[in-house]
Amino acid sequence: MTYKRPYIIAEAGCNHMGQMEIAHDLINTAAYFCKADAIKFQKRCPKELLTPEQYNAPHPNPVNSYGKTYGEHREFLEFTVDQHAQLKEWCEEAGITYSTSVWDMTSAKEIASLKPEFIKIPSACNNHFEMLQWLCDNYKGEIQLSFGMTTHEEEEAIVSLFEKNGRNKDLVIYNCTSGYPVPFEDVCLLEINRLREKYEDRVKAIGFSGHHLGIAVDVAAYTLGASYIERHYTLDRTWKGTDHAASLEPDGIRKLVRNLNAVHDALTYKQQEILPIEQVQRDKLKYRKR
């Protein structure tokens, strides 16, 4: 196997808590301190995504709510397309790639208008075939897509859609277990092997989107062949909201980037039987019969 250098995405999602200033801090910290390759936000149109009953219902966990109803909560956390344009500009200034997960057709069209390098399709929306088709037809960048809570039949239908549109080599698919946080026994890393066997030659790359604790699992995912690694990211895991507790803080992302890049450098064969670094020690230490 040839190991590509890992591409590491700090998924800020809605961990900005609806505040542009915090989003700006997330960008700069991911770029300058963590040295991640990309930072990813989210874009939703709550009235398009939710039924009136869902919109007007109370948040299932009121302590995490930013509004009187679930709809108000979701609206509070949304940035406009103009604000996303500002986020993209800040990312360009900081030297980090901007991206966003899109949850509905309106959001897909708005974010595609900004022409980011890639757009992400979350597990919850990967069977929104109308949206996938629109992106195939109208968005020329890379499309990344998670396979959480997805059957094998649905996976095949998704990849086939991209193949029929000649866009499969612009597609990155992610092994993912949808839970917040996910216990280690439910991470199911060996699914990466299955995805590689079935799809590696049909798509651009295989990735891993983790909602677990710590960073050891991500290194294993990379060695199994997931060249894109995505982790939820926050400035403070104690902040109000459902995703913070399942996110890494800046030092966690920094260590993840450091460890993955170190593993990449180490995943080689010896270029000669005795390396130059060893020859010095061999001359000094190796047993020689006198």
Protein backbone atom coordinates (compact mmCIF):
# COMPACT_ATOMS: atom_id res chain seq x y z
CA MET A 1 0.00 0.00 0.00
CA THR A 2 1.20 3.51 -0.79
CA TYR A 3 0.31 5.87 2.02
CA LYS A 4 -0.72 9.39 1.03
CA ARG A 5 0.07 12.13 3.50
CA PRO A 6 -2.97 12.34 5.81
CA TYR A 7 -5.44 15.15 5.16
CA ILE A 8 -6.82 16.31 8.51
CA ILE A 9 -10.08 18.21 8.87
CA ALA A 10 -11.06 20.02 12.07
CA GLU A 11 -14.85 19.90 12.05
CA ALA A 12 -16.07 23.01 13.86
CA GLY A 13 -19.67 22.37 12.80
CA CYS A 14 -21.86 24.62 14.93
CA ASN A 15 -19.42 24.75 17.84
CA HIS A 16 -19.12 28.50 17.20
CA MET A 17 -22.45 28.80 19.08
CA GLY A 18 -23.76 31.27 16.54
CA GLN A 19 -20.97 33.79 17.10
CA MET A 20 -18.72 34.94 14.25
CA GLU A 21 -15.99 35.97 16.70
CA ILE A 22 -15.76 32.42 18.04
CA ALA A 23 -15.80 31.06 14.47
CA HIS A 24 -12.86 33.36 13.66
CA ASP A 25 -10.99 32.04 16.70
CA LEU A 26 -11.73 28.46 15.63
CA ILE A 27 -10.26 29.17 12.19
CA ASN A 28 -7.09 30.82 13.44
CA THR A 29 -6.49 28.21 16.13
CA ALA A 30 -6.99 25.33 13.66
CA ALA A 31 -4.62 26.98 11.20
CA TYR A 32 -1.82 28.38 13.33
CA PHE A 33 -1.82 26.19 16.46
CA CYS A 34 -3.29 22.87 15.31
CA LYS A 35 -1.91 23.06 11.74
CA ALA A 36 -4.92 21.20 10.36
CA ASP A 37 -5.40 21.08 6.59
CA ALA A 38 -9.02 22.21 6.63
CA ILE A 39 -11.78 23.46 8.89
CA LYS A 40 -15.39 22.57 8.23
CA PHE A 41 -18.60 24.29 9.31
CA GLN A 42 -22.28 23.41 8.74
CA LYS A 43 -25.09 25.01 6.76
CA ARG A 44 -28.75 24.18 7.23
CA CYS A 45 -32.09 25.72 6.31
CA PRO A 46 -34.13 24.64 9.35
CA LYS A 47 -37.53 25.38 7.80
CA GLU A 48 -36.62 23.22 4.80
CA LEU A 49 -35.17 20.41 6.91
CA LEU A 50 -37.79 20.21 9.64
CA THR A 51 -41.51 19.57 9.59
CA PRO A 52 -43.62 22.25 11.35
CA GLU A 53 -44.04 19.83 14.24
CA GLN A 54 -40.28 19.30 14.54
CA TYR A 55 -39.58 23.01 14.16
CA ASN A 56 -42.02 24.00 16.92
CA ALA A 57 -41.18 21.16 19.31
CA PRO A 58 -38.94 21.83 22.31
CA HIS A 59 -35.28 20.85 22.09
CA PRO A 60 -34.93 17.21 23.26
CA ASN A 61 -32.22 18.34 25.69
CA PRO A 62 -33.30 21.83 26.85
CA VAL A 63 -30.04 22.53 28.67
CA ASN A 64 -28.29 22.64 25.28
CA SER A 65 -30.94 24.76 23.53
CA TYR A 66 -30.40 28.27 22.19
CA GLY A 67 -34.13 28.86 21.61
CA LYS A 68 -37.61 28.12 22.93
CA THR A 69 -38.16 25.51 20.20
CA TYR A 70 -35.86 23.19 18.28
CA GLY A 71 -36.39 25.34 15.20
CA GLU A 72 -35.38 28.52 17.04
CA HIS A 73 -32.35 26.67 18.39
CA ARG A 74 -31.24 25.67 14.89
CA GLU A 75 -31.86 29.17 13.48
CA PHE A 76 -29.72 30.70 16.25
CA LEU A 77 -26.75 28.54 15.24
CA GLU A 78 -26.98 29.36 11.51
CA PHE A 79 -24.76 31.76 9.60
CA THR A 80 -25.96 33.44 6.41
CA VAL A 81 -24.26 32.77 3.08
CA ASP A 82 -22.58 36.19 3.39
CA GLN A 83 -21.21 35.18 6.77
CA HIS A 84 -19.90 31.95 5.24
CA ALA A 85 -18.20 34.05 2.57
CA GLN A 86 -16.49 35.88 5.42
CA LEU A 87 -15.48 32.58 7.02
CA LYS A 88 -13.95 31.49 3.71
CA GLU A 89 -12.05 34.77 3.45
CA TRP A 90 -10.70 34.34 6.99
CA CYS A 91 -9.62 30.80 6.12
CA GLU A 92 -7.76 32.03 3.04
CA GLU A 93 -5.99 34.66 5.15
CA ALA A 94 -4.96 31.99 7.67
CA GLY A 95 -3.85 29.49 5.02
CA ILE A 96 -6.38 26.79 5.88
CA THR A 97 -8.99 25.28 3.56
CA TYR A 98 -12.62 26.30 4.21
CA SER A 99 -15.47 23.85 3.82
CA THR A 100 -19.01 23.27 5.00
CA SER A 101 -21.41 20.36 5.41
CA VAL A 102 -24.70 21.00 3.61
CA TRP A 103 -27.93 19.49 4.90
CA ASP A 104 -30.49 20.55 2.28
CA MET A 105 -30.90 21.84 -1.25
CA THR A 106 -30.97 25.52 -0.32
CA SER A 107 -27.79 25.19 1.71
CA ALA A 108 -26.08 23.19 -1.06
CA LYS A 109 -26.83 25.92 -3.60
CA GLU A 110 -25.70 28.70 -1.28
CA ILE A 111 -22.40 27.06 -0.34
CA ALA A 112 -21.69 25.92 -3.92
CA SER A 113 -21.94 29.59 -4.95
CA LEU A 114 -18.85 30.26 -2.80
CA LYS A 115 -16.86 27.67 -4.78
CA PRO A 116 -15.08 25.99 -1.85
CA GLU A 117 -12.50 23.28 -2.59
CA PHE A 118 -14.85 20.65 -1.21
CA ILE A 119 -18.34 20.28 0.17
CA LYS A 120 -19.29 17.63 2.74
CA ILE A 121 -22.49 15.58 2.77
CA PRO A 122 -23.25 14.38 6.33
CA SER A 123 -24.50 10.88 7.02
CA ALA A 124 -27.99 12.20 7.76
CA CYS A 125 -28.36 13.54 4.21
CA ASN A 126 -26.43 11.09 2.07
CA ASN A 127 -29.67 9.64 0.67
CA HIS A 128 -30.91 13.08 -0.48
CA PHE A 129 -30.41 12.04 -4.10
CA GLU A 130 -31.93 15.21 -5.50
CA MET A 131 -29.26 17.23 -3.69
CA LEU A 132 -26.49 14.82 -4.72
CA GLN A 133 -27.59 15.06 -8.35
CA TRP A 134 -27.69 18.86 -8.21
CA LEU A 135 -24.14 18.93 -6.84
CA CYS A 136 -22.94 16.52 -9.54
CA ASP A 137 -24.44 18.80 -12.18
CA ASN A 138 -23.55 22.20 -10.77
CA TYR A 139 -20.62 22.00 -8.37
CA LYS A 140 -17.18 21.24 -9.81
CA GLY A 141 -15.24 20.73 -6.57
CA GLU A 142 -14.60 17.63 -4.48
CA ILE A 143 -17.54 16.05 -2.68
CA GLN A 144 -16.96 14.25 0.60
CA LEU A 145 -19.67 12.01 2.03
CA SER A 146 -20.08 10.05 5.28
CA PHE A 147 -21.53 6.55 5.44
CA GLY A 148 -22.84 6.65 9.02
CA MET A 149 -26.22 4.93 9.60
CA THR A 150 -26.18 3.75 5.97
CA THR A 151 -26.94 0.27 4.60
CA HIS A 152 -24.64 -1.45 2.11
CA GLU A 153 -27.37 -1.17 -0.51
CA GLU A 154 -27.61 2.58 0.08
CA GLU A 155 -23.82 2.91 -0.16
CA GLU A 156 -23.85 1.23 -3.55
CA ALA A 157 -26.66 3.46 -4.78
CA ILE A 158 -24.73 6.57 -3.75
CA VAL A 159 -21.47 5.57 -5.40
CA SER A 160 -23.34 4.42 -8.51
CA LEU A 161 -25.00 7.83 -8.81
CA PHE A 162 -21.60 9.51 -8.88
CA GLU A 163 -20.32 6.97 -11.39
CA LYS A 164 -23.29 7.56 -13.71
CA ASN A 165 -22.50 11.28 -13.61
CA GLY A 166 -18.77 10.79 -14.17
CA ARG A 167 -18.05 12.36 -10.77
CA ASN A 168 -16.90 9.32 -8.79
CA LYS A 169 -13.25 10.36 -8.90
CA ASP A 170 -14.29 13.60 -7.17
CA LEU A 171 -15.89 11.59 -4.34
CA VAL A 172 -14.33 10.83 -0.94
CA ILE A 173 -16.34 8.38 1.19
CA TYR A 174 -15.98 8.15 4.97
CA ASN A 175 -16.29 5.24 7.34
CA CYS A 176 -18.39 6.65 10.18
CA THR A 177 -20.50 5.51 13.13
CA SER A 178 -23.15 8.09 13.97
CA GLY A 179 -23.12 8.62 17.73
CA TYR A 180 -21.94 11.35 20.12
CA PRO A 181 -19.64 10.11 21.52
CA VAL A 182 -19.12 6.61 20.10
CA PRO A 183 -17.71 3.88 22.40
CA PHE A 184 -14.66 2.13 20.99
CA GLU A 185 -16.47 -1.15 20.38
CA ASP A 186 -18.85 0.69 18.01
CA VAL A 187 -16.16 2.49 15.99
CA CYS A 188 -15.79 -0.61 13.77
CA LEU A 189 -12.51 0.38 12.14
CA LEU A 190 -12.35 -2.73 10.00
CA GLU A 191 -15.19 -1.27 7.93
CA ILE A 192 -12.37 0.71 6.29
CA ASN A 193 -11.09 -2.59 4.86
CA ARG A 194 -14.54 -3.36 3.45
CA LEU A 195 -14.86 0.10 1.88
CA ARG A 196 -11.40 -0.17 0.37
CA GLU A 197 -12.09 -3.60 -1.10
CA LYS A 198 -15.36 -2.50 -2.67
CA TYR A 199 -14.83 1.16 -3.54
CA GLU A 200 -11.15 2.16 -3.47
CA ASP A 201 -10.80 1.85 -7.25
CA ARG A 202 -14.15 3.54 -7.85
CA VAL A 203 -13.78 6.73 -5.77
CA LYS A 204 -11.08 9.31 -5.12
CA ALA A 205 -10.25 8.20 -1.57
CA ILE A 206 -11.48 6.58 1.65
CA GLY A 207 -11.74 8.64 4.83
CA PHE A 208 -12.59 8.20 8.50
CA SER A 209 -14.93 10.48 10.43
CA GLY A 210 -14.64 9.73 14.14
CA HIS A 211 -16.89 10.68 17.05
CA HIS A 212 -14.92 8.72 19.65
CA LEU A 213 -12.73 9.92 22.51
CA GLY A 214 -8.98 10.42 22.21
CA ILE A 215 -6.80 10.16 19.10
CA ALA A 216 -5.39 6.61 19.09
CA VAL A 217 -8.18 5.26 16.87
CA ASP A 218 -7.47 7.83 14.14
CA VAL A 219 -3.89 6.63 13.77
CA ALA A 220 -5.17 3.08 13.32
CA ALA A 221 -7.72 4.31 10.76
CA TYR A 222 -4.94 5.94 8.78
CA THR A 223 -2.77 2.82 8.79
CA LEU A 224 -5.78 0.84 7.52
CA GLY A 225 -5.94 3.16 4.51
CA ALA A 226 -8.15 6.13 5.44
CA SER A 227 -6.19 9.06 4.04
CA TYR A 228 -8.76 11.70 5.10
CA ILE A 229 -9.30 12.06 8.84
CA GLU A 230 -12.11 14.25 10.19
CA ARG A 231 -12.70 15.04 13.86
CA HIS A 232 -15.14 17.33 15.65
CA TYR A 233 -13.33 20.34 17.09
CA THR A 234 -14.12 22.93 19.75
CA LEU A 235 -12.28 25.50 21.81
CA ASP A 236 -13.86 24.22 25.04
CA ARG A 237 -15.54 20.84 25.57
CA THR A 238 -17.57 22.24 28.50
CA TRP A 239 -19.40 24.81 26.37
CA LYS A 240 -23.17 24.64 25.84
CA GLY A 241 -24.23 22.39 22.96
CA THR A 242 -24.53 18.73 21.97
CA ASP A 243 -21.29 18.36 19.97
CA HIS A 244 -18.71 19.87 22.32
CA ALA A 245 -18.40 16.79 24.56
CA ALA A 246 -17.64 14.59 21.52
CA SER A 247 -15.08 17.06 20.13
CA LEU A 248 -11.34 17.50 20.50
CA GLU A 249 -9.99 20.71 21.96
CA PRO A 250 -7.13 22.51 20.14
CA ASP A 251 -4.36 20.54 21.80
CA GLY A 252 -6.10 17.31 20.81
CA ILE A 253 -6.26 18.38 17.15
CA ARG A 254 -2.63 19.56 17.32
CA LYS A 255 -1.48 16.19 18.68
CA LEU A 256 -3.62 14.35 16.11
CA VAL A 257 -1.96 16.27 13.26
CA ARG A 258 1.49 15.69 14.75
CA ASN A 259 0.94 11.97 15.32
CA LEU A 260 -0.61 11.28 11.93
CA ASN A 261 2.21 13.07 10.11
CA ALA A 262 4.79 11.19 12.18
CA VAL A 263 3.14 7.86 11.31
CA HIS A 264 3.10 8.84 7.62
CA ASP A 265 6.85 9.47 7.73
CA ALA A 266 7.40 6.13 9.48
CA LEU A 267 5.34 3.98 7.09
CA THR A 268 8.17 3.03 4.73
CA TYR A 269 10.40 0.06 3.98
CA LYS A 270 14.12 0.25 4.53
CA GLN A 271 15.83 1.57 1.42
CA GLN A 272 18.84 -0.62 2.17
CA GLU A 273 19.56 -3.47 4.54
CA ILE A 274 21.65 -1.33 6.88
CA LEU A 275 20.57 2.30 7.05
CA PRO A 276 23.23 5.01 7.45
CA ILE A 277 21.88 5.78 10.92
CA GLU A 278 22.39 2.10 11.81
CA GLN A 279 25.86 1.83 10.27
CA VAL A 280 27.28 4.14 12.91
CA GLN A 281 25.84 1.96 15.66
CA ARG A 282 26.80 -1.26 13.88
CA ASP A 283 30.44 -0.15 13.69
CA LYS A 284 30.39 0.65 17.38
CA LEU A 285 28.13 -2.01 18.89
CA LYS A 286 27.66 -5.02 16.64
CA TYR A 287 29.34 -8.19 17.89
CA ARG A 288 32.35 -9.16 15.83
CA LYS A 289 34.31 -12.35 16.39
CA ARG A 290 37.90 -11.53 17.10
